[in-house]
Amino acid sequence: MSRKTALVFGGSGFIGVYLVEELFRRGYEVHIADLQSPPALQASADFHALDIMNLPAVEAVVHQTQPTVIYNLAGFANLDDAVGAPLKTLNLNVVGNANILEAVRANQAPLFVYASSAYAMSNKGSFYGISKLTSEKIVEEYNHKYGQKFVILRYGSLYSERYFHNNYLYKIVEMAMKQNQIVHHGDGEEVREYIHAADAARLSVDVVEQQEYHNRHIILTGNERMKRKELFQMIREIIGKSDLQILLSETPSDNHYQQTPYSFNPTVSQKLLANPHIDMGQGILECVRSVYQSATGHEQ
């Protein structure tokens, strides 16, 4: 069997923990490069504490590990946080990504996978969307100028049963269970295609192992389209709180898209769906169980 080694920048984050688990399942030797140490469940991965803004450190870890594939999941991953920190967002998401690409080029890594966003295709998304689209163009230019193979993954609305700062659905379930209300800064008409992070991780490895996806832009979203207010109603029914308050704004958010992330862009991308996939209702139920266990210390 040929050697399979993955270096995951941002491997301790929301998508990263599921990706690392999936890579282990597929027989990869896994290295995590992150500012934060990974959860205990990833103790078998080699951890490298570093800042992607430190180019010599990035070059050193790529040279040391000699990976067959490099994932960049690092940087700002929350749109609302990015609105309040434009310079930090652009530095981490653009310059940080360029640092990794330079290290990849210097060490001739076979494949580079960039974690982008559906907002790269949208005129919404503020500095976050701009940073993702800019980094996509830089990845494409490294391919054009230096022949660096890549896969660009445009993640949609991710969720899971684990708490992360940018796990919107988990935080909504937690608010509903602990405060008996859901407060949403929007009118609830926003349509999303939710995908469980475990499904997204599986697809994120599939695209590496199937050459037909190399040098392509891949959209990873869920199979189920629903409005946010429909999601809130589903949560209300699952947790069994008929008196749960759902508080919406009358006007939609300026930064988030309503029906679709797509705005005209000459770069065509391919959508990839998980089949089989984790059912949305089951996924929400796992969030409820996780919040309950966290609050009470008991299994449900």
Protein backbone atom coordinates (compact mmCIF):
# COMPACT_ATOMS: atom_id res chain seq x y z
CA MET A 1 0.00 0.00 0.00
CA SER A 2 1.32 3.44 -0.93
CA ARG A 3 2.12 5.89 1.85
CA LYS A 4 -0.75 8.24 2.77
CA THR A 5 0.11 11.19 4.99
CA ALA A 6 -2.16 14.17 5.63
CA LEU A 7 -1.19 17.50 7.18
CA VAL A 8 -4.26 19.39 8.37
CA PHE A 9 -3.86 23.08 9.16
CA GLY A 10 -6.72 23.98 11.49
CA GLY A 11 -7.22 20.32 12.38
CA SER A 12 -8.43 21.16 15.90
CA GLY A 13 -11.40 23.18 14.63
CA PHE A 14 -15.01 22.40 13.75
CA ILE A 15 -14.51 20.67 10.40
CA GLY A 16 -10.99 19.61 11.31
CA VAL A 17 -11.88 17.20 14.11
CA TYR A 18 -14.24 15.26 11.85
CA LEU A 19 -11.80 15.34 8.95
CA VAL A 20 -8.98 13.96 11.11
CA GLU A 21 -11.26 11.14 12.31
CA GLU A 22 -12.18 10.29 8.72
CA LEU A 23 -8.54 10.34 7.59
CA PHE A 24 -7.65 7.91 10.38
CA ARG A 25 -10.47 5.62 9.25
CA ARG A 26 -9.01 5.65 5.73
CA GLY A 27 -5.54 4.63 6.95
CA TYR A 28 -3.75 7.98 6.78
CA GLU A 29 -0.91 9.08 8.98
CA VAL A 30 -2.28 12.39 10.27
CA HIS A 31 -0.54 15.55 11.42
CA ILE A 32 -2.45 18.49 12.90
CA ALA A 33 -1.03 22.02 12.69
CA ASP A 34 -2.99 24.48 14.79
CA LEU A 35 -2.74 27.10 17.53
CA GLN A 36 -5.07 25.01 19.70
CA SER A 37 -4.35 21.44 20.72
CA PRO A 38 -6.82 18.85 19.39
CA PRO A 39 -9.47 17.10 21.51
CA ALA A 40 -8.39 14.06 23.50
CA LEU A 41 -10.04 11.75 20.98
CA GLN A 42 -7.38 12.79 18.46
CA ALA A 43 -4.44 11.98 20.71
CA SER A 44 -3.05 9.55 18.13
CA ALA A 45 -2.45 12.40 15.68
CA ASP A 46 0.89 14.20 15.69
CA PHE A 47 0.23 17.76 16.84
CA HIS A 48 2.31 20.75 15.75
CA ALA A 49 1.56 24.03 17.51
CA LEU A 50 2.03 26.89 15.08
CA ASP A 51 0.61 30.10 13.65
CA ILE A 52 -0.01 30.11 9.88
CA MET A 53 1.21 33.73 9.83
CA ASN A 54 4.69 32.40 10.70
CA LEU A 55 6.02 31.37 7.28
CA PRO A 56 9.25 29.69 8.51
CA ALA A 57 7.23 27.55 10.96
CA VAL A 58 4.77 26.59 8.22
CA GLU A 59 7.62 25.67 5.85
CA ALA A 60 9.31 23.64 8.60
CA VAL A 61 6.25 21.51 9.40
CA VAL A 62 5.57 20.80 5.72
CA HIS A 63 9.22 19.81 5.19
CA GLN A 64 9.22 17.67 8.34
CA THR A 65 6.01 15.75 7.65
CA GLN A 66 6.34 15.36 3.85
CA PRO A 67 2.57 14.95 3.40
CA THR A 68 0.88 13.49 0.35
CA VAL A 69 -2.03 15.88 0.89
CA ILE A 70 -2.30 19.18 2.74
CA TYR A 71 -5.61 20.62 3.95
CA ASN A 72 -5.98 24.27 4.91
CA LEU A 73 -8.94 24.65 7.29
CA ALA A 74 -7.26 27.39 9.33
CA GLY A 75 -8.24 31.03 9.71
CA PHE A 76 -11.50 32.90 10.35
CA ALA A 77 -14.50 30.60 9.87
CA ASN A 78 -17.31 32.78 11.23
CA LEU A 79 -18.85 35.44 9.01
CA ASP A 80 -20.21 37.60 11.83
CA ASP A 81 -16.87 37.60 13.66
CA ALA A 82 -15.13 38.57 10.42
CA VAL A 83 -17.35 41.64 9.97
CA GLY A 84 -15.92 43.07 13.19
CA ALA A 85 -12.30 42.20 12.36
CA PRO A 86 -11.64 42.90 8.67
CA LEU A 87 -7.83 43.22 8.88
CA LYS A 88 -7.39 40.06 10.96
CA THR A 89 -9.75 38.21 8.62
CA LEU A 90 -7.83 39.20 5.50
CA ASN A 91 -4.48 38.46 7.10
CA LEU A 92 -5.42 34.99 8.34
CA ASN A 93 -7.56 33.89 5.42
CA VAL A 94 -5.51 35.36 2.59
CA VAL A 95 -1.91 35.87 3.75
CA GLY A 96 -2.03 32.78 5.97
CA ASN A 97 -3.27 30.69 3.07
CA ALA A 98 -0.55 32.12 0.82
CA ASN A 99 2.05 31.13 3.43
CA ILE A 100 0.86 27.54 3.29
CA LEU A 101 0.89 27.59 -0.51
CA GLU A 102 4.47 28.85 -0.49
CA ALA A 103 5.47 26.00 1.83
CA VAL A 104 3.65 23.55 -0.43
CA ARG A 105 5.47 24.90 -3.48
CA ALA A 106 8.87 24.76 -1.77
CA ASN A 107 8.35 21.15 -0.72
CA GLN A 108 6.51 19.96 -3.83
CA ALA A 109 3.52 18.56 -1.96
CA PRO A 110 1.34 16.55 -4.38
CA LEU A 111 -2.10 17.98 -3.50
CA PHE A 112 -3.44 21.06 -1.71
CA VAL A 113 -7.04 21.22 -0.44
CA TYR A 114 -8.45 24.62 0.44
CA ALA A 115 -11.49 24.96 2.71
CA SER A 116 -13.51 27.76 1.13
CA SER A 117 -17.16 28.69 1.60
CA ALA A 118 -20.40 29.03 -0.30
CA TYR A 119 -19.94 32.77 0.35
CA ALA A 120 -17.08 32.80 -2.15
CA MET A 121 -19.81 32.54 -4.80
CA SER A 122 -21.92 35.33 -3.32
CA ASN A 123 -22.00 39.12 -3.26
CA LYS A 124 -22.93 38.69 0.40
CA GLY A 125 -20.52 37.57 3.10
CA SER A 126 -18.66 40.84 3.64
CA PHE A 127 -14.93 40.49 4.44
CA TYR A 128 -15.30 36.76 5.06
CA GLY A 129 -16.62 36.04 1.57
CA ILE A 130 -14.06 38.39 0.01
CA SER A 131 -11.22 36.63 1.83
CA LYS A 132 -12.40 33.22 0.65
CA LEU A 133 -12.79 34.26 -2.98
CA THR A 134 -9.41 35.99 -2.95
CA SER A 135 -7.73 32.88 -1.59
CA GLU A 136 -9.46 30.74 -4.21
CA LYS A 137 -7.98 32.92 -6.96
CA ILE A 138 -4.52 32.63 -5.37
CA VAL A 139 -4.83 28.83 -5.26
CA GLU A 140 -5.81 28.84 -8.94
CA GLU A 141 -2.81 31.02 -9.80
CA TYR A 142 -0.41 28.64 -8.03
CA ASN A 143 -1.84 25.91 -10.22
CA HIS A 144 -1.49 28.05 -13.35
CA LYS A 145 2.06 29.24 -12.63
CA TYR A 146 3.57 26.26 -10.80
CA GLY A 147 1.33 23.31 -11.65
CA GLN A 148 0.26 22.87 -8.02
CA LYS A 149 -2.67 20.43 -7.91
CA PHE A 150 -5.59 21.54 -5.78
CA VAL A 151 -9.15 20.92 -4.69
CA ILE A 152 -11.25 23.87 -3.54
CA LEU A 153 -14.06 22.84 -1.21
CA ARG A 154 -16.90 25.32 -0.83
CA TYR A 155 -18.60 24.28 2.40
CA GLY A 156 -22.22 25.14 2.99
CA SER A 157 -24.17 25.15 6.28
CA LEU A 158 -22.36 22.71 8.56
CA TYR A 159 -23.62 21.40 11.89
CA SER A 160 -22.87 18.65 14.40
CA GLU A 161 -23.57 17.46 17.95
CA ARG A 162 -20.33 18.97 19.32
CA TYR A 163 -19.93 22.50 20.61
CA PHE A 164 -17.83 24.83 18.47
CA HIS A 165 -18.02 28.61 18.33
CA ASN A 166 -19.10 28.50 14.69
CA ASN A 167 -21.57 25.59 15.06
CA TYR A 168 -24.73 27.66 14.62
CA LEU A 169 -27.23 24.84 14.96
CA TYR A 170 -25.75 23.49 18.20
CA LYS A 171 -25.87 26.95 19.78
CA ILE A 172 -29.50 27.39 18.69
CA VAL A 173 -30.45 24.04 20.26
CA GLU A 174 -28.57 24.98 23.44
CA MET A 175 -30.38 28.34 23.61
CA ALA A 176 -33.74 26.64 23.12
CA MET A 177 -33.12 24.09 25.86
CA LYS A 178 -31.55 26.40 28.43
CA GLN A 179 -33.38 29.69 27.80
CA ASN A 180 -36.63 28.43 26.28
CA GLN A 181 -36.22 30.76 23.34
CA ILE A 182 -34.54 31.07 19.95
CA VAL A 183 -33.32 34.53 19.00
CA HIS A 184 -32.51 34.88 15.32
CA HIS A 185 -31.17 38.03 13.65
CA GLY A 186 -33.14 37.61 10.46
CA ASP A 187 -36.68 37.02 9.25
CA GLY A 188 -36.42 33.22 9.23
CA GLU A 189 -37.05 33.01 5.49
CA GLU A 190 -33.40 32.20 4.77
CA VAL A 191 -33.03 28.87 2.99
CA ARG A 192 -30.14 26.57 3.90
CA GLU A 193 -28.97 23.09 2.89
CA TYR A 194 -27.55 21.68 6.11
CA ILE A 195 -24.84 19.04 6.05
CA HIS A 196 -23.46 17.19 9.06
CA ALA A 197 -19.74 17.78 9.59
CA ALA A 198 -19.13 14.01 9.50
CA ASP A 199 -20.69 13.80 6.01
CA ALA A 200 -18.67 16.82 4.89
CA ALA A 201 -15.49 15.20 6.22
CA ARG A 202 -16.17 11.98 4.31
CA LEU A 203 -16.67 13.92 1.08
CA SER A 204 -13.53 15.97 1.84
CA VAL A 205 -11.48 12.77 1.71
CA ASP A 206 -13.38 11.33 -1.27
CA VAL A 207 -12.30 14.27 -3.43
CA VAL A 208 -8.66 13.61 -2.57
CA GLU A 209 -8.81 9.94 -3.45
CA GLN A 210 -10.67 10.40 -6.75
CA GLN A 211 -8.60 12.22 -9.36
CA GLU A 212 -11.67 13.39 -11.27
CA TYR A 213 -12.10 16.03 -8.54
CA HIS A 214 -8.53 17.36 -8.68
CA ASN A 215 -8.14 20.95 -9.89
CA ARG A 216 -11.86 21.44 -9.40
CA HIS A 217 -14.17 23.57 -7.26
CA ILE A 218 -16.52 21.36 -5.24
CA ILE A 219 -19.62 22.51 -3.33
CA LEU A 220 -20.38 20.48 -0.20
CA THR A 221 -23.91 21.03 1.06
CA GLY A 222 -26.72 18.88 2.38
CA ASN A 223 -29.59 17.08 0.71
CA GLU A 224 -32.32 18.85 2.68
CA ARG A 225 -33.34 22.44 1.90
CA MET A 226 -35.25 24.24 4.60
CA LYS A 227 -36.02 27.72 5.83
CA ARG A 228 -34.53 28.77 9.13
CA LYS A 229 -38.00 29.15 10.65
CA GLU A 230 -38.74 25.55 9.63
CA LEU A 231 -35.57 24.48 11.41
CA PHE A 232 -36.66 26.33 14.54
CA GLN A 233 -40.05 24.62 14.44
CA MET A 234 -38.35 21.23 14.07
CA ILE A 235 -36.23 21.96 17.14
CA ARG A 236 -39.34 22.99 19.08
CA GLU A 237 -41.04 19.69 18.26
CA ILE A 238 -37.98 17.51 18.96
CA ILE A 239 -37.34 18.98 22.41
CA GLY A 240 -41.06 18.99 23.19
CA LYS A 241 -41.42 22.62 24.24
CA SER A 242 -44.65 23.99 22.79
CA ASP A 243 -44.08 27.27 24.65
CA LEU A 244 -40.64 27.81 23.11
CA GLN A 245 -40.37 31.45 21.98
CA ILE A 246 -39.00 32.03 18.47
CA LEU A 247 -37.93 35.67 18.16
CA LEU A 248 -37.18 36.87 14.64
CA SER A 249 -36.17 40.22 13.16
CA GLU A 250 -38.46 41.85 10.63
CA THR A 251 -35.62 42.51 8.20
CA PRO A 252 -33.09 40.01 6.82
CA SER A 253 -29.39 40.28 7.61
CA ASP A 254 -27.27 42.40 5.26
CA ASN A 255 -24.36 39.94 5.40
CA HIS A 256 -26.10 36.59 4.97
CA TYR A 257 -27.76 35.37 1.79
CA GLN A 258 -31.50 34.60 1.73
CA GLN A 259 -32.36 31.95 -0.86
CA THR A 260 -29.05 31.14 -2.52
CA PRO A 261 -25.34 31.94 -2.13
CA TYR A 262 -24.93 32.13 -5.91
CA SER A 263 -24.08 35.39 -7.61
CA PHE A 264 -22.74 35.47 -11.16
CA ASN A 265 -19.19 34.16 -11.28
CA PRO A 266 -17.40 32.75 -14.34
CA THR A 267 -15.82 29.93 -12.27
CA VAL A 268 -18.07 26.87 -12.44
CA SER A 269 -18.15 24.50 -9.49
CA GLN A 270 -19.50 20.97 -9.03
CA LYS A 271 -21.88 20.07 -6.22
CA LEU A 272 -21.18 16.87 -4.30
CA LEU A 273 -23.78 15.28 -2.01
CA ALA A 274 -23.29 12.65 0.67
CA ASN A 275 -25.12 9.39 -0.04
CA PRO A 276 -25.91 7.95 2.43
CA HIS A 277 -26.03 10.94 4.77
CA ILE A 278 -26.98 11.76 8.36
CA ASP A 279 -30.67 12.67 8.49
CA MET A 280 -31.35 16.23 9.64
CA GLY A 281 -33.84 15.22 12.32
CA GLN A 282 -31.46 12.61 13.69
CA GLY A 283 -28.66 15.19 13.64
CA ILE A 284 -30.72 17.67 15.66
CA LEU A 285 -31.63 14.90 18.11
CA GLU A 286 -27.92 14.20 18.64
CA CYS A 287 -27.42 17.93 19.36
CA VAL A 288 -30.24 17.79 21.94
CA ARG A 289 -28.69 14.75 23.62
CA SER A 290 -25.27 16.42 23.67
CA VAL A 291 -26.63 19.63 25.25
CA TYR A 292 -28.58 17.59 27.81
CA GLN A 293 -25.55 15.54 28.75
CA SER A 294 -23.39 18.67 29.00
CA ALA A 295 -25.93 20.38 31.27
CA THR A 296 -26.71 17.41 33.54
CA GLY A 297 -23.72 15.10 33.27
CA HIS A 298 -26.09 12.22 32.50
CA GLU A 299 -26.66 10.16 29.39
CA GLN A 300 -30.20 10.42 28.04
